[in-house]
Protein backbone atom coordinates (compact mmCIF):
# COMPACT_ATOMS: atom_id res chain seq x y z
CA MET A 1 71.88 132.19 186.90
CA ARG A 2 70.50 130.43 183.84
CA ARG A 3 67.87 133.13 183.35
CA ILE A 4 70.59 135.80 183.55
CA TYR A 5 72.56 134.07 180.80
CA GLU A 6 69.42 133.75 178.66
CA ARG A 7 68.59 137.44 179.07
CA ALA A 8 72.18 138.44 178.32
CA GLY A 9 72.15 136.28 175.19
CA LEU A 10 68.83 137.80 174.11
CA ILE A 11 70.18 141.34 174.63
CA LEU A 12 73.31 140.55 172.62
CA LEU A 13 71.19 139.02 169.85
CA ASN A 14 68.99 142.13 169.72
CA ILE A 15 72.07 144.39 169.59
CA PHE A 16 73.45 142.27 166.74
CA PHE A 17 70.25 142.58 164.69
CA ILE A 18 69.99 146.31 165.41
CA ALA A 19 73.57 146.72 164.16
CA ILE A 20 72.66 144.82 160.97
CA CYS A 21 69.66 147.14 160.45
CA PHE A 22 71.90 150.21 160.78
CA ALA A 23 74.42 148.66 158.37
CA VAL A 24 71.66 148.07 155.81
CA LEU A 25 70.47 151.66 156.20
CA ILE A 26 73.92 153.16 155.55
CA PRO A 27 73.65 153.07 151.69
CA ILE A 28 70.15 154.60 151.87
CA LEU A 29 71.27 157.37 154.21
CA TYR A 30 74.30 157.91 152.01
CA ALA A 31 72.09 158.38 148.94
CA VAL A 32 69.88 160.84 150.84
CA SER A 33 72.98 162.74 151.97
CA VAL A 34 74.33 162.94 148.42
CA SER A 35 70.94 164.09 147.10
CA LEU A 36 70.97 167.02 149.55
CA ASN A 37 74.55 168.00 148.71
CA GLY A 38 75.10 171.05 146.58
CA ARG A 39 78.45 169.78 145.32
CA ASN A 40 79.11 166.96 142.84
CA SER A 41 82.12 165.67 144.79
CA ILE A 42 81.21 162.39 146.44
CA PHE A 43 84.62 160.92 145.59
CA GLY A 44 86.53 163.94 146.83
CA SER A 45 88.43 164.07 150.09
CA ASP A 46 86.22 166.94 151.31
CA PHE A 47 82.98 164.93 151.08
CA SER A 48 81.02 164.83 154.32
CA PHE A 49 78.21 162.46 155.22
CA ILE A 50 76.34 165.49 156.55
CA PRO A 51 76.08 167.90 153.58
CA LYS A 52 78.16 171.04 154.03
CA THR A 53 76.17 172.75 151.28
CA PHE A 54 72.55 171.81 151.95
CA THR A 55 70.17 172.24 149.02
CA LEU A 56 66.89 170.94 147.60
CA GLU A 57 67.83 172.06 144.11
CA ASN A 58 68.63 168.48 143.09
CA TYR A 59 65.05 167.38 143.80
CA ARG A 60 63.68 170.37 141.91
CA ALA A 61 65.90 169.48 138.95
CA VAL A 62 64.67 165.87 139.04
CA ILE A 63 60.98 166.77 139.14
CA PHE A 64 61.02 169.67 136.68
CA GLY A 65 64.24 169.32 134.69
CA GLN A 66 64.49 165.58 134.00
CA PRO A 67 61.99 163.16 132.41
CA VAL A 68 61.77 161.14 135.63
CA LEU A 69 58.02 161.69 135.93
CA LEU A 70 57.59 160.34 132.39
CA TRP A 71 59.58 157.24 133.28
CA LEU A 72 57.54 156.94 136.48
CA GLY A 73 54.32 156.99 134.44
CA ASN A 74 55.64 154.29 132.09
CA THR A 75 56.64 152.11 135.03
CA ILE A 76 53.29 152.57 136.79
CA ILE A 77 51.43 151.45 133.64
CA LEU A 78 53.66 148.39 133.31
CA ALA A 79 53.53 147.55 137.02
CA VAL A 80 49.77 147.91 137.54
CA SER A 81 48.95 145.96 134.37
CA SER A 82 51.43 143.19 135.19
CA VAL A 83 50.28 142.85 138.81
CA CYS A 84 46.56 142.75 137.98
CA ILE A 85 46.79 140.30 135.07
CA SER A 86 49.36 138.10 136.83
CA LEU A 87 47.10 137.77 139.88
CA LEU A 88 44.04 137.12 137.71
CA ALA A 89 45.92 134.20 136.15
CA ALA A 90 47.73 133.03 139.28
CA VAL A 91 44.84 132.85 141.78
CA PRO A 92 42.54 130.44 139.86
CA GLY A 93 45.55 128.49 138.59
CA ALA A 94 46.92 128.07 142.11
CA TYR A 95 43.53 126.98 143.43
CA SER A 96 43.17 124.46 140.60
CA LEU A 97 46.58 122.91 141.20
CA SER A 98 46.05 122.87 144.97
CA ARG A 99 42.50 121.57 145.32
CA LEU A 100 41.51 119.76 142.11
CA ARG A 101 42.78 116.32 141.14
CA TYR A 102 42.99 115.67 137.41
CA ARG A 103 45.26 113.89 134.96
CA GLY A 104 48.43 115.79 134.13
CA ARG A 105 48.30 118.06 137.20
CA LYS A 106 51.75 117.04 138.43
CA THR A 107 53.17 117.31 134.92
CA ILE A 108 51.82 120.86 134.58
CA LEU A 109 53.24 121.79 137.98
CA SER A 110 56.65 120.33 137.12
CA GLY A 111 56.66 122.13 133.77
CA LEU A 112 55.81 125.47 135.37
CA LEU A 113 58.51 124.97 137.98
CA MET A 114 61.04 124.19 135.26
CA LEU A 115 60.03 127.28 133.27
CA HIS A 116 60.35 129.47 136.35
CA SER A 117 63.82 128.06 137.05
CA PHE A 118 65.02 128.77 133.51
CA PRO A 119 67.43 131.76 133.43
CA ALA A 120 65.67 134.76 131.93
CA ILE A 121 68.77 135.98 130.08
CA LEU A 122 68.82 132.79 127.98
CA SER A 123 65.29 133.41 126.69
CA MET A 124 66.02 136.86 125.23
CA PHE A 125 66.45 135.70 121.63
CA ALA A 126 63.39 133.44 121.72
CA ILE A 127 61.22 136.21 123.17
CA TYR A 128 62.45 138.64 120.52
CA LYS A 129 61.60 136.16 117.75
CA LEU A 130 58.11 135.73 119.21
CA LEU A 131 57.33 139.42 119.67
CA SER A 132 58.94 140.81 116.53
CA PRO A 133 56.46 139.35 113.96
CA MET A 134 53.57 140.72 116.04
CA GLY A 135 55.03 144.22 116.12
CA LEU A 136 55.35 144.20 119.91
CA ILE A 137 58.99 145.26 120.10
CA ASN A 138 59.40 148.69 121.68
CA THR A 139 55.80 148.67 122.96
CA LYS A 140 54.41 148.60 126.48
CA LEU A 141 52.12 145.70 125.57
CA GLY A 142 55.09 143.55 124.57
CA LEU A 143 56.89 144.29 127.84
CA ILE A 144 53.72 143.64 129.84
CA LEU A 145 53.38 140.21 128.18
CA ILE A 146 56.98 139.40 129.13
CA TYR A 147 56.40 140.40 132.75
CA ILE A 148 53.12 138.47 132.94
CA GLY A 149 54.74 135.36 131.51
CA THR A 150 57.48 135.60 134.12
CA MET A 151 55.57 136.63 137.23
CA ALA A 152 52.26 134.78 136.70
CA ILE A 153 54.19 131.52 137.16
CA PHE A 154 55.85 132.89 140.30
CA GLY A 155 52.48 134.00 141.68
CA LEU A 156 50.88 130.67 140.87
CA LEU A 157 53.58 128.67 142.65
CA ASN A 158 53.59 131.03 145.61
CA LEU A 159 49.81 131.00 146.04
CA LYS A 160 49.55 127.24 145.54
CA GLY A 161 51.68 126.72 148.62
CA TYR A 162 49.37 129.00 150.58
CA PHE A 163 46.21 127.25 149.35
CA ASP A 164 47.81 123.94 150.35
CA SER A 165 48.15 125.25 153.91
CA ILE A 166 44.43 126.08 154.20
CA PRO A 167 42.65 123.08 155.75
CA ILE A 168 40.12 121.40 153.49
CA GLU A 169 37.76 121.26 156.50
CA ILE A 170 37.02 124.97 156.03
CA GLU A 171 35.58 124.34 152.57
CA GLU A 172 33.67 121.31 153.79
CA ALA A 173 32.14 123.34 156.62
CA ALA A 174 31.08 126.05 154.16
CA ARG A 175 29.40 123.48 151.90
CA ILE A 176 27.58 121.96 154.89
CA ASP A 177 26.25 125.45 155.64
CA GLY A 178 24.82 125.56 152.12
CA ALA A 179 27.48 127.49 150.18
CA ASN A 180 28.09 126.35 146.62
CA GLY A 181 31.57 126.07 145.09
CA ARG A 182 31.69 129.66 143.83
CA ARG A 183 30.43 131.09 147.12
CA THR A 184 32.96 129.01 149.05
CA ILE A 185 35.85 130.35 146.97
CA VAL A 186 34.72 133.99 146.98
CA SER A 187 33.50 134.28 150.57
CA VAL A 188 35.75 131.82 152.39
CA LEU A 189 38.98 130.97 150.59
CA LEU A 190 39.82 134.35 149.03
CA PRO A 191 39.49 136.25 152.33
CA LEU A 192 41.74 133.69 153.96
CA ALA A 193 44.22 133.98 151.10
CA LYS A 194 44.10 137.80 151.07
CA PRO A 195 47.48 138.23 152.86
CA ALA A 196 49.20 135.86 150.41
CA ILE A 197 47.57 137.56 147.41
CA ILE A 198 48.65 141.01 148.64
CA VAL A 199 52.21 139.87 149.36
CA THR A 200 52.44 138.18 145.95
CA GLY A 201 51.16 141.35 144.29
CA VAL A 202 53.75 143.45 146.12
CA MET A 203 56.55 141.08 145.08
CA VAL A 204 55.42 141.25 141.44
CA LEU A 205 55.27 145.03 141.73
CA ILE A 206 58.80 145.23 143.13
CA TYR A 207 60.10 143.01 140.34
CA VAL A 208 58.54 145.11 137.58
CA TRP A 209 59.56 148.35 139.31
CA ASN A 210 63.23 147.34 139.42
CA GLU A 211 63.48 145.20 136.26
CA TYR A 212 66.24 146.40 133.93
CA ILE A 213 67.34 143.72 131.44
CA TYR A 214 64.06 143.32 129.54
CA ALA A 215 63.27 147.04 129.77
CA ILE A 216 66.57 148.14 128.22
CA THR A 217 66.49 145.36 125.59
CA PHE A 218 62.93 145.67 124.28
CA MET A 219 62.28 149.38 124.83
CA THR A 220 64.32 152.11 123.15
CA GLY A 221 64.01 155.87 123.19
CA GLU A 222 63.96 158.14 126.21
CA SER A 223 60.19 158.52 126.10
CA ASN A 224 59.73 154.75 126.49
CA TYR A 225 62.21 154.22 129.33
CA THR A 226 61.18 152.66 132.60
CA LEU A 227 62.61 153.94 135.87
CA ALA A 228 65.42 151.39 135.94
CA ALA A 229 66.51 152.13 132.36
CA GLY A 230 65.97 155.86 132.79
CA LEU A 231 68.06 156.13 135.95
CA TYR A 232 70.92 154.35 134.24
CA SER A 233 70.77 156.71 131.27
CA LEU A 234 70.55 159.66 133.64
CA GLN A 235 73.96 158.91 135.08
CA ALA A 236 75.51 157.46 131.91
CA THR A 237 75.15 160.61 129.83
CA GLU A 238 77.75 163.32 130.11
CA MET A 239 75.11 166.09 130.06
CA SER A 240 73.33 164.91 133.20
CA GLY A 241 76.11 162.97 134.90
CA SER A 242 75.57 164.55 138.30
CA TRP A 243 75.73 162.24 141.29
CA PRO A 244 73.52 164.48 143.51
CA ILE A 245 70.81 164.56 140.82
CA PHE A 246 71.13 160.81 140.30
CA ALA A 247 70.82 160.24 144.07
CA ALA A 248 67.79 162.56 144.27
CA ALA A 249 66.13 160.70 141.40
CA SER A 250 66.81 157.37 143.13
CA VAL A 251 65.20 158.61 146.34
CA VAL A 252 62.16 160.01 144.51
CA VAL A 253 61.42 156.82 142.56
CA SER A 254 61.92 154.67 145.67
CA LEU A 255 59.25 156.47 147.70
CA PRO A 256 56.13 154.97 146.01
CA ILE A 257 57.35 151.40 146.39
CA LEU A 258 58.35 152.02 150.01
CA ILE A 259 54.91 153.42 150.82
CA ILE A 260 53.21 150.41 149.24
CA PHE A 261 55.54 148.01 151.05
CA PHE A 262 54.89 149.54 154.46
CA ALA A 263 51.14 149.64 153.78
CA ALA A 264 51.20 145.88 153.04
CA GLN A 265 53.55 145.02 155.89
CA LYS A 266 50.76 143.95 158.24
CA HIS A 267 49.86 141.17 155.78
CA MET A 268 53.35 139.68 155.68
CA VAL A 269 52.64 137.29 158.55
CA SER A 270 49.06 136.15 158.98
CA GLY A 271 47.21 133.95 161.38
CA LEU A 272 43.94 134.08 159.48
CA THR A 273 44.00 130.38 158.60
CA ALA A 274 44.43 129.33 162.22
CA GLY A 275 41.67 131.72 163.23
CA GLY A 276 39.35 130.24 160.61
CA VAL A 277 39.94 126.71 161.91
CA LYS A 278 39.25 127.73 165.49
CA GLY A 279 36.10 129.59 164.44
């Protein structure tokens, strides 16, 4: 009887989580439905979740009639640069704070944690005063520096926790086998930390891809818009205030990040560290 109750509880729990998944998918399916609708009447009483007037014209208008591809190119430049440089700074910094013992290490860690906890909106004026004399306002380089300063700290803290979880015995075994410090890091630790590095990179990418406040504050002009700023302007203007086109644009710009997320999904949970210890 106990096993029956356990199975029934497990079935109910699975049904509950499946229902949550469907509830989360409703806004996405709604956006897809609107993007395929030939009428701009999502608030009308005649709106149907299944489009009555099916059309792909909205996607054609987004790709060929709106500067979405230009905004996509701007965002890709910002995202790739921010991810690469943030990881280049975060990986050695995380290893240093995790493995090395030197004076001021805890103070540095506490300072970085405090900086990361500081609300970004409160730093707007200070960032503007720093970038303005250098002529970096309304430039991609200025925005990249802002993103690196924000996400390099996040990546460092995230990767430090992962390096802390890797047993020190793995490094000691590598040194006994004759590997020097550089070889140990490159051939042993980095492969073990690969899932954490990939996940951190994806999280930085998602942040830059969706970031709006800095993009709209420090970048002006339609040609300099990122996707987040561009999508807002697409719906805000009277000329292009079409909900189906806005929904189609939202779907189009979401596809690259979804593909990257699903490609990295296998690295979200990793048992590589445990496998290394057993080996």
